[in-house]
Amino acid sequence: MNSRVTNLSLRSRRNLSHASVSTRGKFVQRVRAGRPSKPVIRETTLPIDGRCYRTLLDYYLRVYLDTREYLKRAKQRIKAMDKNTGIGRWPRGEEWNYIELYERHKNELKKRLLSECRKRSDHRWMKKFPAIGPVAEAALLSKVDIQKADSVSSLWRFCGLGVEPDGTRQRPIKRQKRSYCAFLKTILIHNLGTLALISTRRSPGQRRSHFVYPQYRALYDKFKVNYARKRPSWTKTHIHNAAVRRVVKEYVKHLWVRWRQEHKLPTSAQAVIGKLRSRAR
């Protein structure tokens, strides 16, 4: 077979040819196939909940995060060079032109990311859920299959928030494959936990800052006091990280309940009753 595929892999095309897709959950994507000298544009149907779509969404998300991180570091370097008296203020018009180019590229990637998220039916309620933005929504839609997460503990373990059999938290172990998604854990702990759930914000025209989500901030303060009383040997950073992790676990539990309800799937209590009945039979 001499055909080359540029936008989709051959394995993905095989999976698409044998997959049965409903008319409600599909969209049309153009695929360039054929020889490099004579490409043939074909329109294929990608399943919204399929593996190809989640891989595409994950690709856009990672490229967007890499571009945003590059812009942050590039601006910091230029500002540091401006403060350096030995280098002086030499003209940097070309460097700022590159930064503006990457800014436009980052904005285009964000628009593309949002357009891909809108193709899922979960976008309707996720955009109104607390602390969920484009990055968190794309990470959850590309990594989590809510139909497989029949209990909140299974979702905790997949996100790296579970507990090992010896009672310790999930963490990377040397020479062993990770049993959780490290990328999703970073998004939940850093983007949602530290930057959103327990953070403060000052609105324009106001002198004092306020908590963005006071209900989760109250949980953070409660867990922090409990850890400080029960674990006197822990440092302040250790107590802070443990409290943030507990807050994120509570948040994921609320998210799991809402997600299962939107798909009309049983929640934890109903799932446990169903398992007990199946075992009794």
C-alpha atoms as a PDB file:
ATOM      1  CA  MET A   1       0.000   0.000   0.000  1.00  0.00           C
ATOM      2  CA  ASN A   2       1.676   3.188  -1.196  1.00  0.00           C
ATOM      3  CA  SER A   3      -0.718   5.764   0.236  1.00  0.00           C
ATOM      4  CA  ARG A   4       0.506   8.155   2.880  1.00  0.00           C
ATOM      5  CA  VAL A   5      -1.637   9.776   5.521  1.00  0.00           C
ATOM      6  CA  THR A   6      -0.607  13.140   6.921  1.00  0.00           C
ATOM      7  CA  ASN A   7      -3.366  14.078   9.335  1.00  0.00           C
ATOM      8  CA  LEU A   8      -4.399  10.666  10.662  1.00  0.00           C
ATOM      9  CA  SER A   9      -2.403   7.505  11.204  1.00  0.00           C
ATOM     10  CA  LEU A  10      -3.166   4.281   9.337  1.00  0.00           C
ATOM     11  CA  ARG A  11      -4.247   2.566  12.530  1.00  0.00           C
ATOM     12  CA  SER A  12      -6.744   5.336  13.260  1.00  0.00           C
ATOM     13  CA  ARG A  13      -8.232   4.991   9.773  1.00  0.00           C
ATOM     14  CA  ARG A  14      -8.667   1.233  10.297  1.00  0.00           C
ATOM     15  CA  ASN A  15     -10.448   1.849  13.586  1.00  0.00           C
ATOM     16  CA  LEU A  16     -12.704   4.389  11.927  1.00  0.00           C
ATOM     17  CA  SER A  17     -13.647   2.047   9.096  1.00  0.00           C
ATOM     18  CA  HIS A  18     -14.877  -0.635  11.518  1.00  0.00           C
ATOM     19  CA  ALA A  19     -16.489   1.649  14.112  1.00  0.00           C
ATOM     20  CA  SER A  20     -20.209   2.206  14.253  1.00  0.00           C
ATOM     21  CA  VAL A  21     -20.949   5.868  14.970  1.00  0.00           C
ATOM     22  CA  SER A  22     -24.272   7.494  15.722  1.00  0.00           C
ATOM     23  CA  THR A  23     -25.313  10.540  13.746  1.00  0.00           C
ATOM     24  CA  ARG A  24     -25.526  12.670  16.875  1.00  0.00           C
ATOM     25  CA  GLY A  25     -21.901  12.184  17.996  1.00  0.00           C
ATOM     26  CA  LYS A  26     -19.830  12.713  14.876  1.00  0.00           C
ATOM     27  CA  PHE A  27     -18.271  15.492  12.851  1.00  0.00           C
ATOM     28  CA  VAL A  28     -16.590  15.665   9.456  1.00  0.00           C
ATOM     29  CA  GLN A  29     -12.839  16.067   9.126  1.00  0.00           C
ATOM     30  CA  ARG A  30     -10.837  16.386   5.936  1.00  0.00           C
ATOM     31  CA  VAL A  31      -8.045  13.847   5.502  1.00  0.00           C
ATOM     32  CA  ARG A  32      -5.252  14.177   2.967  1.00  0.00           C
ATOM     33  CA  ALA A  33      -4.422  10.768   1.494  1.00  0.00           C
ATOM     34  CA  GLY A  34      -2.746   9.446  -1.634  1.00  0.00           C
ATOM     35  CA  ARG A  35       0.723  10.121  -2.989  1.00  0.00           C
ATOM     36  CA  PRO A  36       2.666  13.255  -2.006  1.00  0.00           C
ATOM     37  CA  SER A  37       2.635  14.453  -5.606  1.00  0.00           C
ATOM     38  CA  LYS A  38      -1.104  13.828  -6.055  1.00  0.00           C
ATOM     39  CA  PRO A  39      -2.877  14.213  -2.713  1.00  0.00           C
ATOM     40  CA  VAL A  40      -6.526  13.268  -2.502  1.00  0.00           C
ATOM     41  CA  ILE A  41      -8.782  15.142  -0.099  1.00  0.00           C
ATOM     42  CA  ARG A  42     -11.383  12.903   1.487  1.00  0.00           C
ATOM     43  CA  GLU A  43     -13.963  13.567   4.159  1.00  0.00           C
ATOM     44  CA  THR A  44     -14.148  11.013   6.932  1.00  0.00           C
ATOM     45  CA  THR A  45     -16.316  10.864  10.035  1.00  0.00           C
ATOM     46  CA  LEU A  46     -14.531  10.889  13.382  1.00  0.00           C
ATOM     47  CA  PRO A  47     -16.449   9.700  16.463  1.00  0.00           C
ATOM     48  CA  ILE A  48     -16.752  12.421  19.098  1.00  0.00           C
ATOM     49  CA  ASP A  49     -16.214   9.950  21.940  1.00  0.00           C
ATOM     50  CA  GLY A  50     -13.638   7.922  20.026  1.00  0.00           C
ATOM     51  CA  ARG A  51      -9.952   7.527  20.634  1.00  0.00           C
ATOM     52  CA  CYS A  52      -8.989   9.642  17.611  1.00  0.00           C
ATOM     53  CA  TYR A  53     -10.947  12.651  18.849  1.00  0.00           C
ATOM     54  CA  ARG A  54      -9.466  12.448  22.359  1.00  0.00           C
ATOM     55  CA  THR A  55      -5.958  12.206  20.879  1.00  0.00           C
ATOM     56  CA  LEU A  56      -6.584  15.258  18.700  1.00  0.00           C
ATOM     57  CA  LEU A  57      -7.894  17.259  21.656  1.00  0.00           C
ATOM     58  CA  ASP A  58      -4.911  16.213  23.763  1.00  0.00           C
ATOM     59  CA  TYR A  59      -2.561  17.336  20.974  1.00  0.00           C
ATOM     60  CA  TYR A  60      -4.095  20.820  20.788  1.00  0.00           C
ATOM     61  CA  LEU A  61      -3.981  21.118  24.573  1.00  0.00           C
ATOM     62  CA  ARG A  62      -0.309  20.177  24.898  1.00  0.00           C
ATOM     63  CA  VAL A  63       0.755  22.477  22.046  1.00  0.00           C
ATOM     64  CA  TYR A  64      -1.190  25.334  23.633  1.00  0.00           C
ATOM     65  CA  LEU A  65       0.439  24.761  27.036  1.00  0.00           C
ATOM     66  CA  ASP A  66       3.922  24.533  25.482  1.00  0.00           C
ATOM     67  CA  THR A  67       3.379  27.785  23.562  1.00  0.00           C
ATOM     68  CA  ARG A  68       2.110  29.553  26.664  1.00  0.00           C
ATOM     69  CA  GLU A  69       5.085  28.358  28.711  1.00  0.00           C
ATOM     70  CA  TYR A  70       7.524  29.466  25.989  1.00  0.00           C
ATOM     71  CA  LEU A  71       5.988  32.951  25.909  1.00  0.00           C
ATOM     72  CA  LYS A  72       6.210  33.241  29.679  1.00  0.00           C
ATOM     73  CA  ARG A  73       9.898  32.311  29.746  1.00  0.00           C
ATOM     74  CA  ALA A  74      10.788  34.480  26.740  1.00  0.00           C
ATOM     75  CA  LYS A  75       9.237  37.565  28.340  1.00  0.00           C
ATOM     76  CA  GLN A  76      11.027  36.851  31.611  1.00  0.00           C
ATOM     77  CA  ARG A  77      14.379  36.579  29.812  1.00  0.00           C
ATOM     78  CA  ILE A  78      13.921  39.876  27.971  1.00  0.00           C
ATOM     79  CA  LYS A  79      12.904  41.665  31.163  1.00  0.00           C
ATOM     80  CA  ALA A  80      15.934  40.199  32.959  1.00  0.00           C
ATOM     81  CA  MET A  81      18.227  41.411  30.174  1.00  0.00           C
ATOM     82  CA  ASP A  82      16.711  44.892  30.416  1.00  0.00           C
ATOM     83  CA  LYS A  83      17.585  44.996  34.128  1.00  0.00           C
ATOM     84  CA  ASN A  84      21.161  43.870  33.474  1.00  0.00           C
ATOM     85  CA  THR A  85      23.316  47.005  33.476  1.00  0.00           C
ATOM     86  CA  GLY A  86      26.212  45.224  31.727  1.00  0.00           C
ATOM     87  CA  ILE A  87      24.161  44.449  28.623  1.00  0.00           C
ATOM     88  CA  GLY A  88      22.309  47.746  28.452  1.00  0.00           C
ATOM     89  CA  ARG A  89      19.147  48.590  26.597  1.00  0.00           C
ATOM     90  CA  TRP A  90      19.992  47.431  23.102  1.00  0.00           C
ATOM     91  CA  PRO A  91      17.160  47.421  20.519  1.00  0.00           C
ATOM     92  CA  ARG A  92      14.930  44.357  20.757  1.00  0.00           C
ATOM     93  CA  GLY A  93      12.324  45.042  18.115  1.00  0.00           C
ATOM     94  CA  GLU A  94      12.974  41.715  16.374  1.00  0.00           C
ATOM     95  CA  GLU A  95      12.607  39.735  19.588  1.00  0.00           C
ATOM     96  CA  TRP A  96       9.300  41.397  20.429  1.00  0.00           C
ATOM     97  CA  ASN A  97       8.086  40.689  16.892  1.00  0.00           C
ATOM     98  CA  TYR A  98       8.690  36.988  17.517  1.00  0.00           C
ATOM     99  CA  ILE A  99       6.788  37.227  20.794  1.00  0.00           C
ATOM    100  CA  GLU A 100       3.842  38.916  19.088  1.00  0.00           C
ATOM    101  CA  LEU A 101       3.859  36.159  16.487  1.00  0.00           C
ATOM    102  CA  TYR A 102       3.705  33.500  19.195  1.00  0.00           C
ATOM    103  CA  GLU A 103       0.961  35.463  20.957  1.00  0.00           C
ATOM    104  CA  ARG A 104      -1.184  35.273  17.840  1.00  0.00           C
ATOM    105  CA  HIS A 105      -0.350  31.589  17.500  1.00  0.00           C
ATOM    106  CA  LYS A 106      -1.359  30.992  21.122  1.00  0.00           C
ATOM    107  CA  ASN A 107      -4.688  32.780  20.620  1.00  0.00           C
ATOM    108  CA  GLU A 108      -5.404  30.707  17.506  1.00  0.00           C
ATOM    109  CA  LEU A 109      -4.637  27.517  19.429  1.00  0.00           C
ATOM    110  CA  LYS A 110      -6.982  28.581  22.220  1.00  0.00           C
ATOM    111  CA  LYS A 111      -9.790  29.211  19.727  1.00  0.00           C
ATOM    112  CA  ARG A 112      -9.142  25.827  18.143  1.00  0.00           C
ATOM    113  CA  LEU A 113      -9.172  24.189  21.560  1.00  0.00           C
ATOM    114  CA  LEU A 114     -12.509  25.782  22.425  1.00  0.00           C
ATOM    115  CA  SER A 115     -14.032  24.780  19.103  1.00  0.00           C
ATOM    116  CA  GLU A 116     -13.022  21.156  19.694  1.00  0.00           C
ATOM    117  CA  CYS A 117     -14.507  21.223  23.206  1.00  0.00           C
ATOM    118  CA  ARG A 118     -17.810  22.613  21.929  1.00  0.00           C
ATOM    119  CA  LYS A 119     -18.295  19.487  19.833  1.00  0.00           C
ATOM    120  CA  ARG A 120     -18.915  17.468  22.990  1.00  0.00           C
ATOM    121  CA  SER A 121     -22.274  17.569  24.703  1.00  0.00           C
ATOM    122  CA  ASP A 122     -20.507  17.890  28.073  1.00  0.00           C
ATOM    123  CA  HIS A 123     -19.354  21.390  27.152  1.00  0.00           C
ATOM    124  CA  ARG A 124     -22.868  22.714  27.871  1.00  0.00           C
ATOM    125  CA  TRP A 125     -22.594  22.118  31.617  1.00  0.00           C
ATOM    126  CA  MET A 126     -18.812  22.084  32.049  1.00  0.00           C
ATOM    127  CA  LYS A 127     -18.487  25.736  31.022  1.00  0.00           C
ATOM    128  CA  LYS A 128     -20.763  26.629  33.979  1.00  0.00           C
ATOM    129  CA  PHE A 129     -19.107  24.283  36.486  1.00  0.00           C
ATOM    130  CA  PRO A 130     -16.894  26.039  39.080  1.00  0.00           C
ATOM    131  CA  ALA A 131     -13.189  26.495  38.243  1.00  0.00           C
ATOM    132  CA  ILE A 132     -13.341  24.760  34.852  1.00  0.00           C
ATOM    133  CA  GLY A 133     -11.709  26.690  32.029  1.00  0.00           C
ATOM    134  CA  PRO A 134     -10.537  25.709  28.544  1.00  0.00           C
ATOM    135  CA  VAL A 135      -7.421  23.892  29.790  1.00  0.00           C
ATOM    136  CA  ALA A 136      -9.157  21.876  32.517  1.00  0.00           C
ATOM    137  CA  GLU A 137     -12.099  21.056  30.255  1.00  0.00           C
ATOM    138  CA  ALA A 138      -9.864  19.837  27.427  1.00  0.00           C
ATOM    139  CA  ALA A 139      -7.793  17.753  29.855  1.00  0.00           C
ATOM    140  CA  LEU A 140     -10.873  16.093  31.355  1.00  0.00           C
ATOM    141  CA  LEU A 141     -12.543  15.422  28.007  1.00  0.00           C
ATOM    142  CA  SER A 142      -9.378  14.000  26.457  1.00  0.00           C
ATOM    143  CA  LYS A 143      -8.372  11.769  29.381  1.00  0.00           C
ATOM    144  CA  VAL A 144     -11.457  10.726  31.356  1.00  0.00           C
ATOM    145  CA  ASP A 145     -14.066   8.204  30.242  1.00  0.00           C
ATOM    146  CA  ILE A 146     -16.876   8.741  32.736  1.00  0.00           C
ATOM    147  CA  GLN A 147     -18.636   5.503  31.756  1.00  0.00           C
ATOM    148  CA  LYS A 148     -15.652   3.478  32.996  1.00  0.00           C
ATOM    149  CA  ALA A 149     -15.407   5.432  36.264  1.00  0.00           C
ATOM    150  CA  ASP A 150     -18.219   3.608  38.062  1.00  0.00           C
ATOM    151  CA  SER A 151     -17.065   4.931  41.455  1.00  0.00           C
ATOM    152  CA  VAL A 152     -15.420   8.104  42.629  1.00  0.00           C
ATOM    153  CA  SER A 153     -12.463   6.145  44.015  1.00  0.00           C
ATOM    154  CA  SER A 154     -11.673   4.798  40.544  1.00  0.00           C
ATOM    155  CA  LEU A 155     -11.590   8.361  39.204  1.00  0.00           C
ATOM    156  CA  TRP A 156      -9.363   9.385  42.111  1.00  0.00           C
ATOM    157  CA  ARG A 157      -6.916   6.617  41.297  1.00  0.00           C
ATOM    158  CA  PHE A 158      -6.857   7.506  37.614  1.00  0.00           C
ATOM    159  CA  CYS A 159      -6.152  11.161  38.471  1.00  0.00           C
ATOM    160  CA  GLY A 160      -3.361  10.245  40.912  1.00  0.00           C
ATOM    161  CA  LEU A 161      -5.375  11.199  44.009  1.00  0.00           C
ATOM    162  CA  GLY A 162      -5.909   7.694  45.349  1.00  0.00           C
ATOM    163  CA  VAL A 163      -4.332   5.788  48.221  1.00  0.00           C
ATOM    164  CA  GLU A 164      -1.953   2.843  47.958  1.00  0.00           C
ATOM    165  CA  PRO A 165      -2.596  -0.444  49.841  1.00  0.00           C
ATOM    166  CA  ASP A 166      -0.038   0.576  52.493  1.00  0.00           C
ATOM    167  CA  GLY A 167      -2.001   3.763  53.251  1.00  0.00           C
ATOM    168  CA  THR A 168       0.288   6.231  51.458  1.00  0.00           C
ATOM    169  CA  ARG A 169      -0.729   8.527  48.618  1.00  0.00           C
ATOM    170  CA  GLN A 170      -0.105   7.689  44.990  1.00  0.00           C
ATOM    171  CA  ARG A 171       3.361   8.742  43.917  1.00  0.00           C
ATOM    172  CA  PRO A 172       5.920   7.709  41.273  1.00  0.00           C
ATOM    173  CA  ILE A 173       7.948   4.649  42.262  1.00  0.00           C
ATOM    174  CA  LYS A 174      11.358   3.943  40.836  1.00  0.00           C
ATOM    175  CA  ARG A 175      11.473   1.301  38.054  1.00  0.00           C
ATOM    176  CA  GLN A 176       7.674   0.943  38.094  1.00  0.00           C
ATOM    177  CA  LYS A 177       5.096   2.173  35.624  1.00  0.00           C
ATOM    178  CA  ARG A 178       2.757   4.819  36.929  1.00  0.00           C
ATOM    179  CA  SER A 179      -0.771   3.655  37.587  1.00  0.00           C
ATOM    180  CA  TYR A 180      -2.285   7.108  37.046  1.00  0.00           C
ATOM    181  CA  CYS A 181      -2.296   9.969  34.535  1.00  0.00           C
ATOM    182  CA  ALA A 182       0.475  12.340  35.639  1.00  0.00           C
ATOM    183  CA  PHE A 183      -0.593  15.038  33.173  1.00  0.00           C
ATOM    184  CA  LEU A 184      -4.146  15.133  34.530  1.00  0.00           C
ATOM    185  CA  LYS A 185      -2.866  15.171  38.106  1.00  0.00           C
ATOM    186  CA  THR A 186      -0.759  18.250  37.335  1.00  0.00           C
ATOM    187  CA  ILE A 187      -3.744  20.033  35.794  1.00  0.00           C
ATOM    188  CA  LEU A 188      -5.977  19.252  38.784  1.00  0.00           C
ATOM    189  CA  ILE A 189      -3.472  20.068  41.536  1.00  0.00           C
ATOM    190  CA  HIS A 190      -1.856  23.144  39.991  1.00  0.00           C
ATOM    191  CA  ASN A 191      -4.403  24.732  37.636  1.00  0.00           C
ATOM    192  CA  LEU A 192      -7.522  23.896  39.646  1.00  0.00           C
ATOM    193  CA  GLY A 193      -6.297  23.479  43.210  1.00  0.00           C
ATOM    194  CA  THR A 194      -3.626  26.121  43.712  1.00  0.00           C
ATOM    195  CA  LEU A 195      -4.606  28.692  41.079  1.00  0.00           C
ATOM    196  CA  ALA A 196      -8.409  28.528  41.292  1.00  0.00           C
ATOM    197  CA  LEU A 197     -10.055  26.767  44.231  1.00  0.00           C
ATOM    198  CA  ILE A 198      -8.115  28.374  47.106  1.00  0.00           C
ATOM    199  CA  SER A 199      -6.913  31.546  45.370  1.00  0.00           C
ATOM    200  CA  THR A 200      -7.931  35.152  45.975  1.00  0.00           C
ATOM    201  CA  ARG A 201      -8.859  37.749  43.392  1.00  0.00           C
ATOM    202  CA  ARG A 202      -9.405  41.485  43.442  1.00  0.00           C
ATOM    203  CA  SER A 203     -12.109  42.839  41.172  1.00  0.00           C
ATOM    204  CA  PRO A 204     -11.564  46.136  39.311  1.00  0.00           C
ATOM    205  CA  GLY A 205     -12.439  49.098  41.486  1.00  0.00           C
ATOM    206  CA  GLN A 206     -12.194  47.179  44.776  1.00  0.00           C
ATOM    207  CA  ARG A 207      -9.471  47.606  47.377  1.00  0.00           C
ATOM    208  CA  ARG A 208      -9.763  44.238  49.077  1.00  0.00           C
ATOM    209  CA  SER A 209      -9.391  40.871  47.456  1.00  0.00           C
ATOM    210  CA  HIS A 210     -11.932  38.108  47.871  1.00  0.00           C
ATOM    211  CA  PHE A 211     -11.908  34.327  47.630  1.00  0.00           C
ATOM    212  CA  VAL A 212     -12.999  33.068  44.241  1.00  0.00           C
ATOM    213  CA  TYR A 213     -14.634  29.915  45.635  1.00  0.00           C
ATOM    214  CA  PRO A 214     -15.217  30.442  49.374  1.00  0.00           C
ATOM    215  CA  GLN A 215     -16.727  26.975  49.908  1.00  0.00           C
ATOM    216  CA  TYR A 216     -13.484  25.270  48.832  1.00  0.00           C
ATOM    217  CA  ARG A 217     -11.352  27.824  50.637  1.00  0.00           C
ATOM    218  CA  ALA A 218     -13.210  26.967  53.852  1.00  0.00           C
ATOM    219  CA  LEU A 219     -12.413  23.278  53.286  1.00  0.00           C
ATOM    220  CA  TYR A 220      -8.754  24.177  52.700  1.00  0.00           C
ATOM    221  CA  ASP A 221      -8.545  26.093  55.990  1.00  0.00           C
ATOM    222  CA  LYS A 222     -10.266  23.237  57.825  1.00  0.00           C
ATOM    223  CA  PHE A 223      -7.912  20.575  56.443  1.00  0.00           C
ATOM    224  CA  LYS A 224      -4.921  22.780  57.098  1.00  0.00           C
ATOM    225  CA  VAL A 225      -5.811  23.178  60.786  1.00  0.00           C
ATOM    226  CA  ASN A 226      -6.422  19.436  61.168  1.00  0.00           C
ATOM    227  CA  TYR A 227      -3.085  18.508  59.592  1.00  0.00           C
ATOM    228  CA  ALA A 228      -1.231  21.060  61.721  1.00  0.00           C
ATOM    229  CA  ARG A 229      -2.765  19.544  64.885  1.00  0.00           C
ATOM    230  CA  LYS A 230      -2.381  15.869  63.957  1.00  0.00           C
ATOM    231  CA  ARG A 231       0.989  16.138  62.179  1.00  0.00           C
ATOM    232  CA  PRO A 232       3.207  18.460  64.239  1.00  0.00           C
ATOM    233  CA  SER A 233       6.356  17.155  62.518  1.00  0.00           C
ATOM    234  CA  TRP A 234       5.193  18.314  59.065  1.00  0.00           C
ATOM    235  CA  THR A 235       6.469  21.546  57.575  1.00  0.00           C
ATOM    236  CA  LYS A 236       4.163  24.346  56.405  1.00  0.00           C
ATOM    237  CA  THR A 237       4.721  23.383  52.772  1.00  0.00           C
ATOM    238  CA  HIS A 238       3.855  19.747  53.501  1.00  0.00           C
ATOM    239  CA  ILE A 239       0.659  20.792  55.288  1.00  0.00           C
ATOM    240  CA  HIS A 240      -0.275  23.135  52.427  1.00  0.00           C
ATOM    241  CA  ASN A 241       0.216  20.455  49.763  1.00  0.00           C
ATOM    242  CA  ALA A 242      -1.779  17.875  51.744  1.00  0.00           C
ATOM    243  CA  ALA A 243      -4.652  20.329  52.281  1.00  0.00           C
ATOM    244  CA  VAL A 244      -4.726  21.259  48.583  1.00  0.00           C
ATOM    245  CA  ARG A 245      -4.837  17.583  47.656  1.00  0.00           C
ATOM    246  CA  ARG A 246      -7.816  16.987  49.964  1.00  0.00           C
ATOM    247  CA  VAL A 247      -9.657  19.976  48.490  1.00  0.00           C
ATOM    248  CA  VAL A 248      -9.048  18.709  44.955  1.00  0.00           C
ATOM    249  CA  LYS A 249     -10.387  15.283  45.948  1.00  0.00           C
ATOM    250  CA  GLU A 250     -13.599  16.872  47.209  1.00  0.00           C
ATOM    251  CA  TYR A 251     -13.847  18.869  44.008  1.00  0.00           C
ATOM    252  CA  VAL A 252     -13.352  15.766  41.847  1.00  0.00           C
ATOM    253  CA  LYS A 253     -16.086  14.021  43.842  1.00  0.00           C
ATOM    254  CA  HIS A 254     -18.541  16.835  43.080  1.00  0.00           C
ATOM    255  CA  LEU A 255     -17.471  16.777  39.433  1.00  0.00           C
ATOM    256  CA  TRP A 256     -17.912  12.991  39.217  1.00  0.00           C
ATOM    257  CA  VAL A 257     -21.458  13.161  40.623  1.00  0.00           C
ATOM    258  CA  ARG A 258     -22.494  15.900  38.183  1.00  0.00           C
ATOM    259  CA  TRP A 259     -20.850  14.159  35.228  1.00  0.00           C
ATOM    260  CA  ARG A 260     -22.556  10.849  35.967  1.00  0.00           C
ATOM    261  CA  GLN A 261     -25.905  12.555  36.411  1.00  0.00           C
ATOM    262  CA  GLU A 262     -25.587  14.314  33.051  1.00  0.00           C
ATOM    263  CA  HIS A 263     -25.036  10.941  31.352  1.00  0.00           C
ATOM    264  CA  LYS A 264     -27.843   9.347  33.414  1.00  0.00           C
ATOM    265  CA  LEU A 265     -25.436   6.885  35.015  1.00  0.00           C
ATOM    266  CA  PRO A 266     -25.731   5.552  38.587  1.00  0.00           C
ATOM    267  CA  THR A 267     -23.889   7.435  41.300  1.00  0.00           C
ATOM    268  CA  SER A 268     -21.855   5.809  44.065  1.00  0.00           C
ATOM    269  CA  ALA A 269     -24.736   4.647  46.276  1.00  0.00           C
ATOM    270  CA  GLN A 270     -26.704   3.260  43.341  1.00  0.00           C
ATOM    271  CA  ALA A 271     -23.587   1.645  41.914  1.00  0.00           C
ATOM    272  CA  VAL A 272     -22.828  -0.136  45.195  1.00  0.00           C
ATOM    273  CA  ILE A 273     -26.426  -1.443  45.426  1.00  0.00           C
ATOM    274  CA  GLY A 274     -26.213  -2.710  41.849  1.00  0.00           C
ATOM    275  CA  LYS A 275     -22.943  -4.536  42.532  1.00  0.00           C
ATOM    276  CA  LEU A 276     -24.372  -6.191  45.653  1.00  0.00           C
ATOM    277  CA  ARG A 277     -27.443  -7.361  43.752  1.00  0.00           C
ATOM    278  CA  SER A 278     -25.329  -8.760  40.936  1.00  0.00           C
ATOM    279  CA  ARG A 279     -23.167 -10.676  43.423  1.00  0.00           C
ATOM    280  CA  ALA A 280     -26.270 -12.053  45.173  1.00  0.00           C
ATOM    281  CA  ARG A 281     -27.517 -13.448  41.877  1.00  0.00           C
END
